[in-house]
Amino acid sequence: MVENTIQAIKETEAKADAVVREAESKYREILDEAAKKAEALKSEQIQSTKQKAQSDMEKAKEKGTQDLDSAMSEIRKEVAALKELAQQKHDAAVNLVVSELI
């Protein structure tokens, strides 16, 4: 009877050890899987952030080009207006000089 009890205790201890080993194994698997998922998520986030930064940079460059083109267009208009005004002033000055000479 005592031998049966001792045997039952040993079997229970063996089962408990097996459960502990299995739990530790599952723990390591879960931990490894979590680490892999975290690394994958980190990589995805880095890639997503890089793509967004690239997209934002391209948009900013495009806007800068548009703003520059718009400014250059305005400058060309102003230059043309100034040239026209200068030509008118030149013509008026020539006419004044010619009329003074005559």
PDB file of N, CA and C in Angstrom:
ATOM      1  N   MET A   1       0.806  -1.178   0.000  1.00  0.00           N
ATOM      2  CA  MET A   1       0.000   0.000   0.000  1.00  0.00           C
ATOM      3  C   MET A   1       0.857   1.253   0.000  1.00  0.00           C
ATOM      4  N   VAL A   2       1.871   1.272   0.844  1.00  0.00           N
ATOM      5  CA  VAL A   2       2.800   2.390   0.878  1.00  0.00           C
ATOM      6  C   VAL A   2       3.539   2.462  -0.450  1.00  0.00           C
ATOM      7  N   GLU A   3       3.861   1.280  -0.953  1.00  0.00           N
ATOM      8  CA  GLU A   3       4.557   1.254  -2.240  1.00  0.00           C
ATOM      9  C   GLU A   3       3.672   1.825  -3.340  1.00  0.00           C
ATOM     10  N   ASN A   4       2.397   1.530  -3.271  1.00  0.00           N
ATOM     11  CA  ASN A   4       1.457   2.084  -4.257  1.00  0.00           C
ATOM     12  C   ASN A   4       1.375   3.596  -4.137  1.00  0.00           C
ATOM     13  N   THR A   5       1.373   4.093  -2.934  1.00  0.00           N
ATOM     14  CA  THR A   5       1.308   5.536  -2.696  1.00  0.00           C
ATOM     15  C   THR A   5       2.581   6.203  -3.201  1.00  0.00           C
ATOM     16  N   ILE A   6       3.730   5.574  -2.881  1.00  0.00           N
ATOM     17  CA  ILE A   6       5.011   6.117  -3.345  1.00  0.00           C
ATOM     18  C   ILE A   6       5.054   6.102  -4.869  1.00  0.00           C
ATOM     19  N   GLN A   7       4.597   5.026  -5.453  1.00  0.00           N
ATOM     20  CA  GLN A   7       4.570   4.916  -6.914  1.00  0.00           C
ATOM     21  C   GLN A   7       3.651   5.992  -7.509  1.00  0.00           C
ATOM     22  N   ALA A   8       2.504   6.213  -6.897  1.00  0.00           N
ATOM     23  CA  ALA A   8       1.559   7.228  -7.371  1.00  0.00           C
ATOM     24  C   ALA A   8       2.172   8.618  -7.269  1.00  0.00           C
ATOM     25  N   ILE A   9       2.899   8.856  -6.180  1.00  0.00           N
ATOM     26  CA  ILE A   9       3.565  10.154  -6.002  1.00  0.00           C
ATOM     27  C   ILE A   9       4.624  10.345  -7.076  1.00  0.00           C
ATOM     28  N   LYS A  10       5.421   9.295  -7.332  1.00  0.00           N
ATOM     29  CA  LYS A  10       6.465   9.384  -8.358  1.00  0.00           C
ATOM     30  C   LYS A  10       5.847   9.636  -9.731  1.00  0.00           C
ATOM     31  N   GLU A  11       4.744   8.959 -10.023  1.00  0.00           N
ATOM     32  CA  GLU A  11       4.078   9.160 -11.310  1.00  0.00           C
ATOM     33  C   GLU A  11       3.529  10.581 -11.421  1.00  0.00           C
ATOM     34  N   THR A  12       2.971  11.058 -10.321  1.00  0.00           N
ATOM     35  CA  THR A  12       2.434  12.422 -10.300  1.00  0.00           C
ATOM     36  C   THR A  12       3.555  13.435 -10.486  1.00  0.00           C
ATOM     37  N   GLU A  13       4.696  13.198  -9.805  1.00  0.00           N
ATOM     38  CA  GLU A  13       5.847  14.089  -9.960  1.00  0.00           C
ATOM     39  C   GLU A  13       6.360  14.062 -11.394  1.00  0.00           C
ATOM     40  N   ALA A  14       6.408  12.876 -11.986  1.00  0.00           N
ATOM     41  CA  ALA A  14       6.867  12.753 -13.370  1.00  0.00           C
ATOM     42  C   ALA A  14       5.921  13.500 -14.308  1.00  0.00           C
ATOM     43  N   LYS A  15       4.620  13.333 -14.060  1.00  0.00           N
ATOM     44  CA  LYS A  15       3.638  14.047 -14.880  1.00  0.00           C
ATOM     45  C   LYS A  15       3.774  15.557 -14.689  1.00  0.00           C
ATOM     46  N   ALA A  16       3.998  15.970 -13.445  1.00  0.00           N
ATOM     47  CA  ALA A  16       4.161  17.398 -13.157  1.00  0.00           C
ATOM     48  C   ALA A  16       5.402  17.937 -13.861  1.00  0.00           C
ATOM     49  N   ASP A  17       6.500  17.164 -13.821  1.00  0.00           N
ATOM     50  CA  ASP A  17       7.722  17.574 -14.520  1.00  0.00           C
ATOM     51  C   ASP A  17       7.471  17.694 -16.018  1.00  0.00           C
ATOM     52  N   ALA A  18       6.730  16.733 -16.567  1.00  0.00           N
ATOM     53  CA  ALA A  18       6.415  16.771 -17.998  1.00  0.00           C
ATOM     54  C   ALA A  18       5.568  17.993 -18.327  1.00  0.00           C
ATOM     55  N   VAL A  19       4.607  18.299 -17.472  1.00  0.00           N
ATOM     56  CA  VAL A  19       3.753  19.474 -17.682  1.00  0.00           C
ATOM     57  C   VAL A  19       4.595  20.744 -17.615  1.00  0.00           C
ATOM     58  N   VAL A  20       5.515  20.802 -16.645  1.00  0.00           N
ATOM     59  CA  VAL A  20       6.384  21.973 -16.508  1.00  0.00           C
ATOM     60  C   VAL A  20       7.266  22.125 -17.744  1.00  0.00           C
ATOM     61  N   ARG A  21       7.854  21.015 -18.212  1.00  0.00           N
ATOM     62  CA  ARG A  21       8.702  21.074 -19.409  1.00  0.00           C
ATOM     63  C   ARG A  21       7.891  21.529 -20.629  1.00  0.00           C
ATOM     64  N   GLU A  22       6.690  20.979 -20.747  1.00  0.00           N
ATOM     65  CA  GLU A  22       5.838  21.365 -21.874  1.00  0.00           C
ATOM     66  C   GLU A  22       5.453  22.842 -21.778  1.00  0.00           C
ATOM     67  N   ALA A  23       5.152  23.295 -20.569  1.00  0.00           N
ATOM     68  CA  ALA A  23       4.802  24.704 -20.364  1.00  0.00           C
ATOM     69  C   ALA A  23       5.984  25.605 -20.706  1.00  0.00           C
ATOM     70  N   GLU A  24       7.190  25.197 -20.287  1.00  0.00           N
ATOM     71  CA  GLU A  24       8.384  25.976 -20.609  1.00  0.00           C
ATOM     72  C   GLU A  24       8.619  26.007 -22.115  1.00  0.00           C
ATOM     73  N   SER A  25       8.405  24.875 -22.759  1.00  0.00           N
ATOM     74  CA  SER A  25       8.565  24.803 -24.207  1.00  0.00           C
ATOM     75  C   SER A  25       7.562  25.722 -24.905  1.00  0.00           C
ATOM     76  N   LYS A  26       6.303  25.642 -24.474  1.00  0.00           N
ATOM     77  CA  LYS A  26       5.267  26.518 -25.047  1.00  0.00           C
ATOM     78  C   LYS A  26       5.601  27.977 -24.789  1.00  0.00           C
ATOM     79  N   TYR A  27       6.106  28.261 -23.585  1.00  0.00           N
ATOM     80  CA  TYR A  27       6.489  29.625 -23.225  1.00  0.00           C
ATOM     81  C   TYR A  27       7.549  30.145 -24.187  1.00  0.00           C
ATOM     82  N   ARG A  28       8.575  29.321 -24.446  1.00  0.00           N
ATOM     83  CA  ARG A  28       9.639  29.725 -25.370  1.00  0.00           C
ATOM     84  C   ARG A  28       9.088  29.921 -26.781  1.00  0.00           C
ATOM     85  N   GLU A  29       8.201  29.028 -27.210  1.00  0.00           N
ATOM     86  CA  GLU A  29       7.598  29.154 -28.538  1.00  0.00           C
ATOM     87  C   GLU A  29       6.799  30.454 -28.656  1.00  0.00           C
ATOM     88  N   ILE A  30       5.991  30.709 -27.631  1.00  0.00           N
ATOM     89  CA  ILE A  30       5.179  31.933 -27.634  1.00  0.00           C
ATOM     90  C   ILE A  30       6.073  33.164 -27.629  1.00  0.00           C
ATOM     91  N   LEU A  31       7.120  33.120 -26.812  1.00  0.00           N
ATOM     92  CA  LEU A  31       8.054  34.237 -26.734  1.00  0.00           C
ATOM     93  C   LEU A  31       8.766  34.446 -28.065  1.00  0.00           C
ATOM     94  N   ASP A  32       9.228  33.354 -28.687  1.00  0.00           N
ATOM     95  CA  ASP A  32       9.887  33.453 -29.991  1.00  0.00           C
ATOM     96  C   ASP A  32       8.939  34.010 -31.049  1.00  0.00           C
ATOM     97  N   GLU A  33       7.709  33.515 -31.042  1.00  0.00           N
ATOM     98  CA  GLU A  33       6.711  33.986 -32.010  1.00  0.00           C
ATOM     99  C   GLU A  33       6.419  35.469 -31.800  1.00  0.00           C
ATOM    100  N   ALA A  34       6.303  35.872 -30.543  1.00  0.00           N
ATOM    101  CA  ALA A  34       6.054  37.287 -30.240  1.00  0.00           C
ATOM    102  C   ALA A  34       7.224  38.151 -30.703  1.00  0.00           C
ATOM    103  N   ALA A  35       8.444  37.668 -30.499  1.00  0.00           N
ATOM    104  CA  ALA A  35       9.623  38.414 -30.938  1.00  0.00           C
ATOM    105  C   ALA A  35       9.644  38.536 -32.459  1.00  0.00           C
ATOM    106  N   LYS A  36       9.302  37.449 -33.156  1.00  0.00           N
ATOM    107  CA  LYS A  36       9.264  37.485 -34.622  1.00  0.00           C
ATOM    108  C   LYS A  36       8.196  38.455 -35.114  1.00  0.00           C
ATOM    109  N   LYS A  37       7.019  38.402 -34.484  1.00  0.00           N
ATOM    110  CA  LYS A  37       5.941  39.311 -34.877  1.00  0.00           C
ATOM    111  C   LYS A  37       6.325  40.763 -34.606  1.00  0.00           C
ATOM    112  N   ALA A  38       6.975  40.999 -33.471  1.00  0.00           N
ATOM    113  CA  ALA A  38       7.407  42.354 -33.133  1.00  0.00           C
ATOM    114  C   ALA A  38       8.427  42.856 -34.147  1.00  0.00           C
ATOM    115  N   GLU A  39       9.353  42.001 -34.539  1.00  0.00           N
ATOM    116  CA  GLU A  39      10.363  42.384 -35.529  1.00  0.00           C
ATOM    117  C   GLU A  39       9.715  42.664 -36.884  1.00  0.00           C
ATOM    118  N   ALA A  40       8.761  41.815 -37.261  1.00  0.00           N
ATOM    119  CA  ALA A  40       8.057  42.017 -38.534  1.00  0.00           C
ATOM    120  C   ALA A  40       7.268  43.326 -38.501  1.00  0.00           C
ATOM    121  N   LEU A  41       6.594  43.581 -37.392  1.00  0.00           N
ATOM    122  CA  LEU A  41       5.830  44.816 -37.253  1.00  0.00           C
ATOM    123  C   LEU A  41       6.755  46.026 -37.293  1.00  0.00           C
ATOM    124  N   LYS A  42       7.890  45.904 -36.627  1.00  0.00           N
ATOM    125  CA  LYS A  42       8.871  46.991 -36.627  1.00  0.00           C
ATOM    126  C   LYS A  42       9.350  47.261 -38.045  1.00  0.00           C
ATOM    127  N   SER A  43       9.665  46.209 -38.784  1.00  0.00           N
ATOM    128  CA  SER A  43      10.122  46.365 -40.167  1.00  0.00           C
ATOM    129  C   SER A  43       9.040  46.999 -41.033  1.00  0.00           C
ATOM    130  N   GLU A  44       7.797  46.547 -40.843  1.00  0.00           N
ATOM    131  CA  GLU A  44       6.684  47.119 -41.608  1.00  0.00           C
ATOM    132  C   GLU A  44       6.517  48.601 -41.297  1.00  0.00           C
ATOM    133  N   GLN A  45       6.618  48.950 -40.021  1.00  0.00           N
ATOM    134  CA  GLN A  45       6.463  50.347 -39.625  1.00  0.00           C
ATOM    135  C   GLN A  45       7.591  51.201 -40.201  1.00  0.00           C
ATOM    136  N   ILE A  46       8.799  50.680 -40.162  1.00  0.00           N
ATOM    137  CA  ILE A  46       9.937  51.416 -40.717  1.00  0.00           C
ATOM    138  C   ILE A  46       9.729  51.627 -42.208  1.00  0.00           C
ATOM    139  N   GLN A  47       9.339  50.567 -42.912  1.00  0.00           N
ATOM    140  CA  GLN A  47       9.113  50.666 -44.355  1.00  0.00           C
ATOM    141  C   GLN A  47       7.987  51.652 -44.655  1.00  0.00           C
ATOM    142  N   SER A  48       6.910  51.561 -43.894  1.00  0.00           N
ATOM    143  CA  SER A  48       5.774  52.464 -44.091  1.00  0.00           C
ATOM    144  C   SER A  48       6.187  53.916 -43.851  1.00  0.00           C
ATOM    145  N   THR A  49       6.961  54.139 -42.807  1.00  0.00           N
ATOM    146  CA  THR A  49       7.425  55.488 -42.493  1.00  0.00           C
ATOM    147  C   THR A  49       8.343  56.017 -43.585  1.00  0.00           C
ATOM    148  N   LYS A  50       9.226  55.167 -44.090  1.00  0.00           N
ATOM    149  CA  LYS A  50      10.120  55.582 -45.177  1.00  0.00           C
ATOM    150  C   LYS A  50       9.321  55.937 -46.425  1.00  0.00           C
ATOM    151  N   GLN A  51       8.315  55.117 -46.747  1.00  0.00           N
ATOM    152  CA  GLN A  51       7.496  55.389 -47.925  1.00  0.00           C
ATOM    153  C   GLN A  51       6.727  56.696 -47.771  1.00  0.00           C
ATOM    154  N   LYS A  52       6.196  56.929 -46.573  1.00  0.00           N
ATOM    155  CA  LYS A  52       5.461  58.172 -46.345  1.00  0.00           C
ATOM    156  C   LYS A  52       6.404  59.366 -46.437  1.00  0.00           C
ATOM    157  N   ALA A  53       7.587  59.245 -45.873  1.00  0.00           N
ATOM    158  CA  ALA A  53       8.562  60.333 -45.941  1.00  0.00           C
ATOM    159  C   ALA A  53       8.936  60.612 -47.393  1.00  0.00           C
ATOM    160  N   GLN A  54       9.143  59.549 -48.175  1.00  0.00           N
ATOM    161  CA  GLN A  54       9.477  59.714 -49.590  1.00  0.00           C
ATOM    162  C   GLN A  54       8.334  60.398 -50.330  1.00  0.00           C
ATOM    163  N   SER A  55       7.112  59.963 -50.049  1.00  0.00           N
ATOM    164  CA  SER A  55       5.934  60.558 -50.683  1.00  0.00           C
ATOM    165  C   SER A  55       5.804  62.031 -50.302  1.00  0.00           C
ATOM    166  N   ASP A  56       5.981  62.328 -49.015  1.00  0.00           N
ATOM    167  CA  ASP A  56       5.898  63.716 -48.554  1.00  0.00           C
ATOM    168  C   ASP A  56       6.980  64.569 -49.208  1.00  0.00           C
ATOM    169  N   MET A  57       8.179  64.003 -49.354  1.00  0.00           N
ATOM    170  CA  MET A  57       9.278  64.732 -49.971  1.00  0.00           C
ATOM    171  C   MET A  57       8.966  65.027 -51.440  1.00  0.00           C
ATOM    172  N   GLU A  58       8.420  64.040 -52.137  1.00  0.00           N
ATOM    173  CA  GLU A  58       8.069  64.235 -53.540  1.00  0.00           C
ATOM    174  C   GLU A  58       6.969  65.283 -53.693  1.00  0.00           C
ATOM    175  N   LYS A  59       5.982  65.252 -52.792  1.00  0.00           N
ATOM    176  CA  LYS A  59       4.912  66.251 -52.831  1.00  0.00           C
ATOM    177  C   LYS A  59       5.475  67.648 -52.570  1.00  0.00           C
ATOM    178  N   ALA A  60       6.370  67.756 -51.594  1.00  0.00           N
ATOM    179  CA  ALA A  60       6.973  69.050 -51.278  1.00  0.00           C
ATOM    180  C   ALA A  60       7.800  69.556 -52.457  1.00  0.00           C
ATOM    181  N   LYS A  61       8.529  68.651 -53.095  1.00  0.00           N
ATOM    182  CA  LYS A  61       9.338  69.035 -54.253  1.00  0.00           C
ATOM    183  C   LYS A  61       8.438  69.508 -55.389  1.00  0.00           C
ATOM    184  N   GLU A  62       7.343  68.776 -55.613  1.00  0.00           N
ATOM    185  CA  GLU A  62       6.398  69.151 -56.665  1.00  0.00           C
ATOM    186  C   GLU A  62       5.778  70.516 -56.371  1.00  0.00           C
ATOM    187  N   LYS A  63       5.399  70.737 -55.111  1.00  0.00           N
ATOM    188  CA  LYS A  63       4.818  72.028 -54.735  1.00  0.00           C
ATOM    189  C   LYS A  63       5.846  73.133 -54.897  1.00  0.00           C
ATOM    190  N   GLY A  64       7.081  72.867 -54.512  1.00  0.00           N
ATOM    191  CA  GLY A  64       8.144  73.855 -54.681  1.00  0.00           C
ATOM    192  C   GLY A  64       8.345  74.205 -56.145  1.00  0.00           C
ATOM    193  N   THR A  65       8.305  73.193 -57.003  1.00  0.00           N
ATOM    194  CA  THR A  65       8.452  73.427 -58.440  1.00  0.00           C
ATOM    195  C   THR A  65       7.288  74.259 -58.964  1.00  0.00           C
ATOM    196  N   GLN A  66       6.076  73.935 -58.520  1.00  0.00           N
ATOM    197  CA  GLN A  66       4.901  74.707 -58.944  1.00  0.00           C
ATOM    198  C   GLN A  66       4.998  76.154 -58.465  1.00  0.00           C
ATOM    199  N   ASP A  67       5.408  76.336 -57.213  1.00  0.00           N
ATOM    200  CA  ASP A  67       5.554  77.690 -56.675  1.00  0.00           C
ATOM    201  C   ASP A  67       6.621  78.464 -57.444  1.00  0.00           C
ATOM    202  N   LEU A  68       7.721  77.798 -57.770  1.00  0.00           N
ATOM    203  CA  LEU A  68       8.791  78.439 -58.532  1.00  0.00           C
ATOM    204  C   LEU A  68       8.303  78.817 -59.923  1.00  0.00           C
ATOM    205  N   ASP A  69       7.592  77.901 -60.577  1.00  0.00           N
ATOM    206  CA  ASP A  69       7.055  78.189 -61.907  1.00  0.00           C
ATOM    207  C   ASP A  69       6.095  79.373 -61.862  1.00  0.00           C
ATOM    208  N   SER A  70       5.257  79.403 -60.844  1.00  0.00           N
ATOM    209  CA  SER A  70       4.305  80.504 -60.688  1.00  0.00           C
ATOM    210  C   SER A  70       5.042  81.826 -60.471  1.00  0.00           C
ATOM    211  N   ALA A  71       6.051  81.800 -59.610  1.00  0.00           N
ATOM    212  CA  ALA A  71       6.831  83.010 -59.342  1.00  0.00           C
ATOM    213  C   ALA A  71       7.563  83.466 -60.598  1.00  0.00           C
ATOM    214  N   MET A  72       8.128  82.524 -61.340  1.00  0.00           N
ATOM    215  CA  MET A  72       8.838  82.881 -62.576  1.00  0.00           C
ATOM    216  C   MET A  72       7.875  83.485 -63.596  1.00  0.00           C
ATOM    217  N   SER A  73       6.670  82.972 -63.669  1.00  0.00           N
ATOM    218  CA  SER A  73       5.665  83.517 -64.578  1.00  0.00           C
ATOM    219  C   SER A  73       5.343  84.961 -64.207  1.00  0.00           C
ATOM    220  N   GLU A  74       5.171  85.212 -62.917  1.00  0.00           N
ATOM    221  CA  GLU A  74       4.898  86.577 -62.456  1.00  0.00           C
ATOM    222  C   GLU A  74       6.081  87.498 -62.754  1.00  0.00           C
ATOM    223  N   ILE A  75       7.282  86.997 -62.533  1.00  0.00           N
ATOM    224  CA  ILE A  75       8.480  87.801 -62.802  1.00  0.00           C
ATOM    225  C   ILE A  75       8.575  88.129 -64.283  1.00  0.00           C
ATOM    226  N   ARG A  76       8.293  87.149 -65.140  1.00  0.00           N
ATOM    227  CA  ARG A  76       8.332  87.401 -66.589  1.00  0.00           C
ATOM    228  C   ARG A  76       7.321  88.483 -66.977  1.00  0.00           C
ATOM    229  N   LYS A  77       6.133  88.424 -66.388  1.00  0.00           N
ATOM    230  CA  LYS A  77       5.119  89.447 -66.669  1.00  0.00           C
ATOM    231  C   LYS A  77       5.606  90.823 -66.227  1.00  0.00           C
ATOM    232  N   GLU A  78       6.203  90.884 -65.034  1.00  0.00           N
ATOM    233  CA  GLU A  78       6.708  92.160 -64.534  1.00  0.00           C
ATOM    234  C   GLU A  78       7.839  92.689 -65.412  1.00  0.00           C
ATOM    235  N   VAL A  79       8.737  91.802 -65.835  1.00  0.00           N
ATOM    236  CA  VAL A  79       9.844  92.203 -66.708  1.00  0.00           C
ATOM    237  C   VAL A  79       9.295  92.728 -68.029  1.00  0.00           C
ATOM    238  N   ALA A  80       8.305  92.035 -68.601  1.00  0.00           N
ATOM    239  CA  ALA A  80       7.710  92.478 -69.865  1.00  0.00           C
ATOM    240  C   ALA A  80       7.057  93.848 -69.686  1.00  0.00           C
ATOM    241  N   ALA A  81       6.354  94.043 -68.568  1.00  0.00           N
ATOM    242  CA  ALA A  81       5.711  95.335 -68.307  1.00  0.00           C
ATOM    243  C   ALA A  81       6.759  96.428 -68.142  1.00  0.00           C
ATOM    244  N   LEU A  82       7.852  96.120 -67.437  1.00  0.00           N
ATOM    245  CA  LEU A  82       8.921  97.108 -67.258  1.00  0.00           C
ATOM    246  C   LEU A  82       9.600  97.431 -68.582  1.00  0.00           C
ATOM    247  N   LYS A  83       9.800  96.412 -69.426  1.00  0.00           N
ATOM    248  CA  LYS A  83      10.393  96.659 -70.748  1.00  0.00           C
ATOM    249  C   LYS A  83       9.478  97.550 -71.580  1.00  0.00           C
ATOM    250  N   GLU A  84       8.187  97.282 -71.533  1.00  0.00           N
ATOM    251  CA  GLU A  84       7.214  98.097 -72.272  1.00  0.00           C
ATOM    252  C   GLU A  84       7.243  99.533 -71.772  1.00  0.00           C
ATOM    253  N   LEU A  85       7.258  99.697 -70.442  1.00  0.00           N
ATOM    254  CA  LEU A  85       7.313 101.033 -69.857  1.00  0.00           C
ATOM    255  C   LEU A  85       8.619 101.731 -70.236  1.00  0.00           C
ATOM    256  N   ALA A  86       9.724 100.994 -70.190  1.00  0.00           N
ATOM    257  CA  ALA A  86      11.019 101.570 -70.559  1.00  0.00           C
ATOM    258  C   ALA A  86      11.019 101.987 -72.026  1.00  0.00           C
ATOM    259  N   GLN A  87      10.420 101.159 -72.877  1.00  0.00           N
ATOM    260  CA  GLN A  87      10.352 101.503 -74.302  1.00  0.00           C
ATOM    261  C   GLN A  87       9.521 102.768 -74.502  1.00  0.00           C
ATOM    262  N   GLN A  88       8.405 102.869 -73.781  1.00  0.00           N
ATOM    263  CA  GLN A  88       7.562 104.063 -73.881  1.00  0.00           C
ATOM    264  C   GLN A  88       8.328 105.299 -73.412  1.00  0.00           C
ATOM    265  N   LYS A  89       9.048 105.160 -72.299  1.00  0.00           N
ATOM    266  CA  LYS A  89       9.843 106.285 -71.780  1.00  0.00           C
ATOM    267  C   LYS A  89      10.953 106.647 -72.768  1.00  0.00           C
ATOM    268  N   HIS A  90      11.556 105.623 -73.363  1.00  0.00           N
ATOM    269  CA  HIS A  90      12.619 105.852 -74.346  1.00  0.00           C
ATOM    270  C   HIS A  90      12.050 106.603 -75.543  1.00  0.00           C
ATOM    271  N   ASP A  91      10.896 106.116 -76.036  1.00  0.00           N
ATOM    272  CA  ASP A  91      10.271 106.773 -77.185  1.00  0.00           C
ATOM    273  C   ASP A  91       9.898 108.215 -76.846  1.00  0.00           C
ATOM    274  N   ALA A  92       9.381 108.447 -75.649  1.00  0.00           N
ATOM    275  CA  ALA A  92       9.011 109.798 -75.233  1.00  0.00           C
ATOM    276  C   ALA A  92      10.249 110.676 -75.134  1.00  0.00           C
ATOM    277  N   ALA A  93      11.342 110.122 -74.611  1.00  0.00           N
ATOM    278  CA  ALA A  93      12.583 110.885 -74.493  1.00  0.00           C
ATOM    279  C   ALA A  93      13.133 111.223 -75.868  1.00  0.00           C
ATOM    280  N   VAL A  94      13.104 110.273 -76.783  1.00  0.00           N
ATOM    281  CA  VAL A  94      13.589 110.522 -78.151  1.00  0.00           C
ATOM    282  C   VAL A  94      12.727 111.600 -78.797  1.00  0.00           C
ATOM    283  N   ASN A  95      11.412 111.489 -78.650  1.00  0.00           N
ATOM    284  CA  ASN A  95      10.517 112.494 -79.230  1.00  0.00           C
ATOM    285  C   ASN A  95      10.778 113.870 -78.634  1.00  0.00           C
ATOM    286  N   LEU A  96      11.034 113.929 -77.321  1.00  0.00           N
ATOM    287  CA  LEU A  96      11.322 115.201 -76.672  1.00  0.00           C
ATOM    288  C   LEU A  96      12.614 115.796 -77.203  1.00  0.00           C
ATOM    289  N   VAL A  97      13.641 114.970 -77.327  1.00  0.00           N
ATOM    290  CA  VAL A  97      14.929 115.454 -77.841  1.00  0.00           C
ATOM    291  C   VAL A  97      14.766 115.920 -79.278  1.00  0.00           C
ATOM    292  N   VAL A  98      14.063 115.161 -80.095  1.00  0.00           N
ATOM    293  CA  VAL A  98      13.868 115.528 -81.504  1.00  0.00           C
ATOM    294  C   VAL A  98      13.069 116.826 -81.591  1.00  0.00           C
ATOM    295  N   SER A  99      12.034 116.953 -80.753  1.00  0.00           N
ATOM    296  CA  SER A  99      11.226 118.179 -80.812  1.00  0.00           C
ATOM    297  C   SER A  99      12.023 119.389 -80.337  1.00  0.00           C
ATOM    298  N   GLU A 100      12.943 119.212 -79.420  1.00  0.00           N
ATOM    299  CA  GLU A 100      13.790 120.309 -78.949  1.00  0.00           C
ATOM    300  C   GLU A 100      14.797 120.707 -80.021  1.00  0.00           C
ATOM    301  N   LEU A 101      15.220 119.742 -80.806  1.00  0.00           N
ATOM    302  CA  LEU A 101      16.188 120.036 -81.859  1.00  0.00           C
ATOM    303  C   LEU A 101      15.520 120.721 -83.047  1.00  0.00           C
ATOM    304  N   ILE A 102      14.278 120.483 -83.250  1.00  0.00           N
ATOM    305  CA  ILE A 102      13.608 121.045 -84.423  1.00  0.00           C
ATOM    306  C   ILE A 102      13.125 122.402 -84.127  1.00  0.00           C
TER     307      ILE A 102
END
